[in-house]
Each structure stands twice: as structure tokens, then as C-alpha cells.
Amino acid sequence: MGTDCRFRAHSPRRFSPAGPSRAGSPRQPSGGGTRGDRFEIPSEGINYETFERDLILQAMEKSDWVIAKASKMLGMSYRTLQYRLDKFNLKKPDGRSGPTL
């Protein structure tokens, strides 16, 4: 009947590298939630810092640089996202140039 709030899109467990969220649960998140949503690490590996920065940048762009919205997309607190924006020196573009690299 109602929406099960445990499977909201911003849940930090939904895209866990360990597999789908709530292992053993008969319910699946709306919109799929199958193993096809799982990120596969390439055999050559990844640069985690670059991956994290790119995810944060995508969330910020999709949320029109509203930290509260982006933090929900990423499943982290507002303060954690603020810290990571500072860590990666990501700032809202002023229209003339992109974010600081």
C-alpha cells in the first residue's frame, strides 16, 4: 500500500560494493535494485579519489548545487558533503568556467 522508506533512492546501502541492500529481504527497491545496478570494479582498478570526486560533482550538478539535495542523493550528511566539497576544492561554476580542478 504505502512506500517502504527503507529503499529510498538516497539510501547509502543501495549501491554497496558488497552487493544489493538488505540481503535476504524479499522486497526489492522500486526502479529495479537488481545486481545490474551494482558497480563493477574494472580488473585494472580505479582511482578512488577521482571516482569519489566525479560522483560528488555529478550530484551537485543534478541538484543545481544545492548541498542538501546532493547529500541525499549520495546518502551522506550535509556536513560530510561540505567537507568533501572543500577536500576536492569543488565550487559552483560562475558561468564562465567549470569547477576548480
Foldseek 3Di string as FASTA:
>chain_A
DDADVCQDQLAQQCADLVAGPPPPDPDARPPDSHRVSHDDADPVGDDVLVVVVVLLVVLCVVVVNDLCRSCSNNNHDSVVSVVSCVVVQFDPDPVPDHTDD
